[in-house]
Amino acid sequence: MRSVEVIEPGIQTTIQDYPGRRGMLAQGFFPAGPMDHFALRAANLLVGNPESAAALEVTLGNFALRLDDDAAIAVCGADADLTADNAPFATWESRRFAAGTVIRIGVAPGPGFRFYLAVDGGFDVPLLFGSRATYTMGALGGLDGRPLQAGDRLPLGEPGSDGDGRRFRAGARPPYSRVWEVRAMRGPQAAPDYLTENDMQTLFGRDWPIDRNSNRTGVRLESHRFEWARQGGGIAGGHPSNILDNSYPVGAINVNGDLPVILGPDGPTAGGFVVAATVIHADFWKIGQFRPVGDSVRFREASIEEAIEADRELDAALGAVSLEAV
């Protein structure tokens, strides 16, 4: 069986696939999957994989692996020094390398925070409820439910179509920033029942610094004292952010007390705090590239119609129209 060996695992590298473990919220599983689904899907496209193939999510960088067999590789996401046996190669393009080649990803200087490394054939770890994604909160999926370690050997699937010598056109690559704009729909708990209209204008009208205590579970934002439309949470609790436990959507902008948190792909499936707004799927990839400390985000309110159209446009961008030969 084809395989690769992890030499340097970085601060957190996990196996992820898209769209992850959907349909499991009622059983207590958020979907897992990539923080930046655009970059993972793009990397798979470049090496000739289905967009659902398992790839590696590398946080910040400082990662290295050795190929046990010839393979096509693509790395998408943040920018950094990439080398194959110390020879540089570019992000957002696919190259074929010989068995024994050591692939290294340096540290991302920013903007951007995560890389997605795809290999033709994908990473062939066992399926769990229809997905190979690592769910860090539950220690499930991926390789033994954990981040990768030095010495791990990862099996690869059989390659499909030729994935060598392609790149994303410069104009098709998403722009990265230190000041992000993310579209979100208000609710399910917003004005006028839970928050005031002034609160909603504040949510959508200012830059929110990213807190250092952010990860795949949730991205914390700067705390803020909201006005609130009520004095307390009634039987749910003393604070107006308290509600009776209810389910949380993926991408929820959860407000617990004075702290807004964007729930990531490994977030909790339910809880007792309001969700003021929800990030649309077409912009959800951006939270995977937020750098804790230094980056900020401004939310822009979107309608359901805009969210649907934005998703269609993103899907269309992940196709042959965005590729060119190297």
Protein backbone atom coordinates (compact mmCIF):
# COMPACT_ATOMS: atom_id res chain seq x y z
CA MET A 1 0.00 0.00 0.00
CA ARG A 2 1.19 3.52 -0.82
CA SER A 3 1.96 5.63 2.24
CA VAL A 4 3.74 8.65 3.70
CA GLU A 5 5.64 9.05 6.98
CA VAL A 6 5.26 12.08 9.22
CA ILE A 7 8.65 13.54 10.18
CA GLU A 8 7.62 16.80 11.87
CA PRO A 9 3.96 17.14 12.88
CA GLY A 10 3.79 20.89 13.62
CA ILE A 11 1.62 22.27 16.42
CA GLN A 12 -1.55 20.55 15.18
CA THR A 13 -1.97 18.52 12.00
CA THR A 14 -5.08 16.41 11.52
CA ILE A 15 -6.66 14.35 8.76
CA GLN A 16 -9.82 16.04 7.48
CA ASP A 17 -12.27 15.55 4.64
CA TYR A 18 -15.13 17.58 3.21
CA PRO A 19 -17.90 17.98 4.21
CA GLY A 20 -17.06 15.93 7.28
CA ARG A 21 -19.55 13.99 9.33
CA ARG A 22 -22.81 15.71 8.40
CA GLY A 23 -26.15 14.56 9.76
CA MET A 24 -24.78 13.59 13.20
CA LEU A 25 -25.74 16.65 15.30
CA ALA A 26 -28.55 14.78 17.03
CA GLN A 27 -26.01 12.14 18.10
CA GLY A 28 -23.70 14.79 19.57
CA PHE A 29 -21.21 15.17 16.70
CA PHE A 30 -20.39 18.46 15.03
CA PRO A 31 -19.26 17.58 11.48
CA ALA A 32 -15.50 18.09 11.93
CA GLY A 33 -13.89 18.51 8.50
CA PRO A 34 -11.68 21.40 7.40
CA MET A 35 -11.62 24.83 9.01
CA ASP A 36 -10.99 26.15 5.46
CA HIS A 37 -13.06 23.99 3.14
CA PHE A 38 -12.13 26.02 0.04
CA ALA A 39 -8.40 25.31 0.38
CA LEU A 40 -8.90 21.60 1.08
CA ARG A 41 -11.25 21.19 -1.88
CA ALA A 42 -8.86 23.16 -4.12
CA ALA A 43 -5.89 20.97 -3.15
CA ASN A 44 -7.89 17.84 -3.96
CA LEU A 45 -8.94 19.30 -7.31
CA LEU A 46 -5.31 19.99 -8.22
CA VAL A 47 -4.15 16.40 -7.61
CA GLY A 48 -7.15 14.82 -9.36
CA ASN A 49 -9.02 13.66 -6.24
CA PRO A 50 -12.72 13.97 -5.53
CA GLU A 51 -13.25 17.06 -3.35
CA SER A 52 -14.33 14.72 -0.54
CA ALA A 53 -10.94 12.93 -0.34
CA ALA A 54 -9.11 13.10 2.99
CA ALA A 55 -6.23 15.57 3.18
CA LEU A 56 -4.05 17.06 5.92
CA GLU A 57 -4.93 20.26 7.77
CA VAL A 58 -1.66 21.80 8.96
CA THR A 59 -2.00 24.61 11.51
CA LEU A 60 0.62 27.39 11.16
CA GLY A 61 3.17 25.08 9.49
CA ASN A 62 6.53 23.63 10.58
CA PHE A 63 5.44 20.30 9.10
CA ALA A 64 7.34 17.63 7.14
CA LEU A 65 6.60 14.21 5.66
CA ARG A 66 8.46 11.65 3.56
CA LEU A 67 6.88 9.94 0.55
CA ASP A 68 7.18 6.16 0.54
CA ASP A 69 5.99 6.06 -3.10
CA ASP A 70 5.79 8.40 -6.07
CA ALA A 71 2.91 10.85 -5.56
CA ALA A 72 1.38 14.10 -6.77
CA ILE A 73 1.21 16.76 -4.05
CA ALA A 74 -0.62 20.08 -3.74
CA VAL A 75 -0.58 22.52 -0.82
CA CYS A 76 -3.24 25.25 -0.64
CA GLY A 77 -4.08 27.83 1.98
CA ALA A 78 -1.70 30.23 3.68
CA ASP A 79 1.61 31.20 2.11
CA ALA A 80 4.96 29.89 3.40
CA ASP A 81 8.21 28.35 2.18
CA LEU A 82 7.49 24.92 0.66
CA THR A 83 10.34 22.60 -0.25
CA ALA A 84 10.80 19.14 -1.73
CA ASP A 85 14.25 17.86 -0.72
CA ASN A 86 15.15 21.51 -0.03
CA ALA A 87 14.11 22.66 -3.53
CA PRO A 88 11.30 25.25 -3.42
CA PHE A 89 7.90 24.73 -5.00
CA ALA A 90 4.74 26.83 -4.99
CA THR A 91 1.45 26.70 -3.13
CA TRP A 92 -1.79 26.34 -5.12
CA GLU A 93 -0.21 24.04 -7.71
CA SER A 94 0.38 20.29 -8.08
CA ARG A 95 3.70 18.58 -8.63
CA ARG A 96 4.73 14.93 -8.82
CA PHE A 97 7.57 13.81 -6.58
CA ALA A 98 9.55 10.57 -6.35
CA ALA A 99 9.52 8.07 -3.50
CA GLY A 100 11.80 9.20 -0.68
CA THR A 101 11.18 12.92 -1.23
CA VAL A 102 10.81 14.97 1.94
CA ILE A 103 8.09 17.64 1.69
CA ARG A 104 8.38 20.54 4.14
CA ILE A 105 6.00 23.37 4.97
CA GLY A 106 7.54 26.37 6.72
CA VAL A 107 5.82 28.68 9.17
CA ALA A 108 3.11 30.95 7.76
CA PRO A 109 4.10 34.59 8.34
CA GLY A 110 0.55 35.77 7.59
CA PRO A 111 -1.92 36.56 6.37
CA GLY A 112 -3.44 33.10 6.71
CA PHE A 113 -2.98 30.41 9.35
CA ARG A 114 -3.64 26.95 7.89
CA PHE A 115 -2.43 24.76 5.01
CA TYR A 116 -4.11 21.83 3.28
CA LEU A 117 -1.88 19.14 1.82
CA ALA A 118 -3.50 16.74 -0.64
CA VAL A 119 -1.91 13.64 -2.18
CA ASP A 120 -3.33 11.85 -5.21
CA GLY A 121 -5.45 8.98 -3.91
CA GLY A 122 -6.17 10.73 -0.61
CA PHE A 123 -5.33 9.53 2.90
CA ASP A 124 -6.94 6.12 3.30
CA VAL A 125 -7.68 5.97 7.03
CA PRO A 126 -10.85 4.13 8.14
CA LEU A 127 -14.26 5.70 7.68
CA LEU A 128 -16.27 6.54 10.81
CA PHE A 129 -19.94 7.34 10.19
CA GLY A 130 -19.13 8.01 6.55
CA SER A 131 -16.16 10.34 7.06
CA ARG A 132 -12.41 10.20 7.70
CA ALA A 133 -12.37 13.61 9.43
CA THR A 134 -10.72 13.97 12.83
CA TYR A 135 -13.17 15.18 15.49
CA THR A 136 -10.84 16.62 18.11
CA MET A 137 -13.46 17.13 20.85
CA GLY A 138 -14.49 13.48 20.70
CA ALA A 139 -11.07 11.99 19.82
CA LEU A 140 -12.70 10.18 16.89
CA GLY A 141 -11.93 9.69 13.22
CA GLY A 142 -8.71 10.47 11.37
CA LEU A 143 -5.75 8.54 12.74
CA ASP A 144 -6.77 7.21 16.16
CA GLY A 145 -8.81 10.38 16.72
CA ARG A 146 -5.77 12.56 17.38
CA PRO A 147 -3.38 15.07 15.81
CA LEU A 148 -0.49 13.48 13.94
CA GLN A 149 2.82 12.64 15.60
CA ALA A 150 6.33 12.10 14.30
CA GLY A 151 6.69 8.55 13.01
CA ASP A 152 3.05 8.12 12.01
CA ARG A 153 2.70 6.27 8.72
CA LEU A 154 -0.39 7.27 6.77
CA PRO A 155 -1.85 4.97 4.09
CA LEU A 156 -2.78 6.44 0.72
CA GLY A 157 -5.54 5.39 -1.63
CA GLU A 158 -5.06 4.52 -5.26
CA PRO A 159 -4.70 7.60 -7.48
CA GLY A 160 -7.34 8.41 -10.04
CA SER A 161 -6.90 10.96 -12.83
CA ASP A 162 -3.53 12.54 -13.47
CA GLY A 163 -2.96 15.35 -10.98
CA ASP A 164 0.42 16.66 -12.03
CA GLY A 165 1.33 20.10 -13.35
CA ARG A 166 -1.78 22.14 -12.63
CA ARG A 167 -2.26 25.34 -10.67
CA PHE A 168 -5.03 27.64 -9.57
CA ARG A 169 -5.08 30.80 -11.65
CA ALA A 170 -3.97 33.80 -9.59
CA GLY A 171 -7.37 35.47 -10.05
CA ALA A 172 -9.19 32.36 -8.80
CA ARG A 173 -7.35 32.18 -5.49
CA PRO A 174 -9.25 33.73 -2.59
CA PRO A 175 -7.67 36.90 -1.14
CA TYR A 176 -6.24 36.58 2.37
CA SER A 177 -6.19 39.48 4.80
CA ARG A 178 -5.53 40.52 8.38
CA VAL A 179 -8.88 42.36 8.39
CA TRP A 180 -11.58 39.96 7.19
CA GLU A 181 -15.15 40.50 6.02
CA VAL A 182 -17.50 37.59 6.70
CA ARG A 183 -21.15 37.43 5.72
CA ALA A 184 -23.62 36.17 8.30
CA MET A 185 -27.37 35.82 8.71
CA ARG A 186 -28.97 37.08 11.90
CA GLY A 187 -30.39 34.59 14.35
CA PRO A 188 -31.72 32.20 15.38
CA GLN A 189 -31.77 34.32 18.61
CA ALA A 190 -31.45 38.00 17.70
CA ALA A 191 -33.47 41.24 17.92
CA PRO A 192 -36.03 42.04 19.18
CA ASP A 193 -36.56 39.11 21.56
CA TYR A 194 -33.01 38.60 22.85
CA LEU A 195 -30.80 41.45 21.66
CA THR A 196 -31.69 45.04 20.83
CA GLU A 197 -31.48 46.43 17.32
CA ASN A 198 -28.56 48.57 18.57
CA ASP A 199 -26.81 45.33 19.57
CA MET A 200 -27.30 43.93 16.08
CA GLN A 201 -25.98 47.12 14.51
CA THR A 202 -22.93 46.79 16.75
CA LEU A 203 -22.44 43.15 15.76
CA PHE A 204 -22.52 44.03 12.06
CA GLY A 205 -20.94 47.47 12.34
CA ARG A 206 -17.50 47.10 13.96
CA ASP A 207 -14.25 45.17 13.66
CA TRP A 208 -13.91 42.29 16.14
CA PRO A 209 -10.32 41.37 17.12
CA ILE A 210 -9.55 37.62 17.15
CA ASP A 211 -8.62 36.32 20.61
CA ARG A 212 -5.56 34.12 21.15
CA ASN A 213 -7.76 31.44 22.74
CA SER A 214 -9.14 30.17 19.44
CA ASN A 215 -9.06 26.73 17.85
CA ARG A 216 -11.15 24.26 15.83
CA THR A 217 -13.85 24.27 18.52
CA GLY A 218 -14.43 28.01 18.42
CA VAL A 219 -12.90 31.35 17.49
CA ARG A 220 -13.18 33.79 20.37
CA LEU A 221 -13.69 37.48 19.65
CA GLU A 222 -13.13 40.53 21.81
CA SER A 223 -15.64 40.72 24.66
CA HIS A 224 -18.33 43.38 24.49
CA ARG A 225 -21.10 44.49 26.86
CA PHE A 226 -24.32 44.22 24.86
CA GLU A 227 -27.49 46.12 25.83
CA TRP A 228 -29.76 43.04 25.65
CA ALA A 229 -33.52 43.18 25.16
CA ARG A 230 -34.32 41.52 28.47
CA GLN A 231 -33.07 41.62 32.04
CA GLY A 232 -32.23 37.95 32.45
CA GLY A 233 -32.64 34.47 31.05
CA GLY A 234 -35.64 33.47 33.15
CA ILE A 235 -35.59 29.83 34.16
CA ALA A 236 -32.54 29.32 31.89
CA GLY A 237 -30.27 31.49 34.05
CA GLY A 238 -29.58 34.91 35.47
CA HIS A 239 -27.81 36.44 32.46
CA PRO A 240 -29.81 37.60 29.41
CA SER A 241 -27.55 35.48 27.17
CA ASN A 242 -28.87 32.34 28.88
CA ILE A 243 -31.52 30.26 27.13
CA LEU A 244 -32.80 26.74 27.63
CA ASP A 245 -30.40 24.36 25.93
CA ASN A 246 -30.91 24.21 22.19
CA SER A 247 -28.98 23.01 19.16
CA TYR A 248 -26.20 25.15 17.69
CA PRO A 249 -25.69 25.59 13.94
CA VAL A 250 -22.23 25.20 12.43
CA GLY A 251 -20.76 28.69 12.16
CA ALA A 252 -22.91 30.05 15.00
CA ILE A 253 -21.87 33.42 16.45
CA ASN A 254 -22.57 32.34 19.99
CA VAL A 255 -22.76 35.01 22.70
CA ASN A 256 -22.08 33.69 26.20
CA GLY A 257 -22.20 36.54 28.66
CA ASP A 258 -20.13 39.30 27.07
CA LEU A 259 -18.09 36.94 24.87
CA PRO A 260 -18.92 36.29 21.19
CA VAL A 261 -17.52 33.00 19.82
CA ILE A 262 -17.75 31.65 16.26
CA LEU A 263 -18.32 27.91 16.59
CA GLY A 264 -15.92 25.93 14.40
CA PRO A 265 -16.30 22.47 12.85
CA ASP A 266 -15.48 20.74 16.16
CA GLY A 267 -17.80 22.93 18.23
CA PRO A 268 -20.47 21.84 20.72
CA THR A 269 -23.73 20.66 19.18
CA ALA A 270 -25.96 22.28 21.80
CA GLY A 271 -25.89 24.64 24.75
CA GLY A 272 -27.63 27.33 26.73
CA PHE A 273 -26.48 30.60 25.12
CA VAL A 274 -27.98 32.72 22.37
CA VAL A 275 -26.80 32.58 18.76
CA ALA A 276 -26.99 36.15 17.46
CA ALA A 277 -26.04 35.27 13.87
CA THR A 278 -24.69 32.42 11.75
CA VAL A 279 -21.80 32.58 9.26
CA ILE A 280 -22.89 31.60 5.75
CA HIS A 281 -21.30 28.46 4.30
CA ALA A 282 -19.62 30.30 1.42
CA ASP A 283 -17.63 32.42 3.91
CA PHE A 284 -17.10 29.76 6.58
CA TRP A 285 -13.66 28.89 5.11
CA LYS A 286 -12.36 32.29 6.15
CA ILE A 287 -12.44 31.50 9.88
CA GLY A 288 -9.88 28.77 9.22
CA GLN A 289 -7.40 31.43 8.12
CA PHE A 290 -7.93 33.83 11.06
CA ARG A 291 -4.68 34.33 12.95
CA PRO A 292 -5.19 34.50 16.73
CA VAL A 293 -3.98 37.95 17.84
CA GLY A 294 -3.52 40.53 15.12
CA ASP A 295 -6.43 39.63 12.84
CA SER A 296 -9.93 41.05 13.07
CA VAL A 297 -13.27 40.33 11.43
CA ARG A 298 -16.21 42.51 10.39
CA PHE A 299 -19.54 40.77 9.86
CA ARG A 300 -21.80 41.83 7.01
CA GLU A 301 -25.46 40.88 7.19
CA ALA A 302 -26.65 38.61 4.39
CA SER A 303 -30.02 37.27 3.30
CA ILE A 304 -30.84 33.62 2.71
CA GLU A 305 -30.97 34.34 -1.04
CA GLU A 306 -27.49 35.88 -0.97
CA ALA A 307 -26.15 32.94 1.03
CA ILE A 308 -27.49 30.42 -1.50
CA GLU A 309 -26.13 32.35 -4.49
CA ALA A 310 -22.72 32.79 -2.81
CA ASP A 311 -22.51 29.03 -2.27
CA ARG A 312 -23.28 28.39 -5.93
CA GLU A 313 -20.54 30.82 -6.98
CA LEU A 314 -18.01 29.20 -4.66
CA ASP A 315 -18.86 25.72 -5.97
CA ALA A 316 -18.43 26.95 -9.54
CA ALA A 317 -14.99 28.36 -8.70
CA LEU A 318 -13.85 24.91 -7.57
CA GLY A 319 -13.66 23.47 -11.08
CA ALA A 320 -11.61 23.32 -14.22
CA VAL A 321 -12.43 26.95 -15.01
CA SER A 322 -10.03 27.99 -12.24
CA LEU A 323 -7.11 25.78 -13.32
CA GLU A 324 -4.26 26.26 -15.78
CA ALA A 325 -1.23 24.19 -16.75
CA VAL A 326 2.05 24.93 -14.99
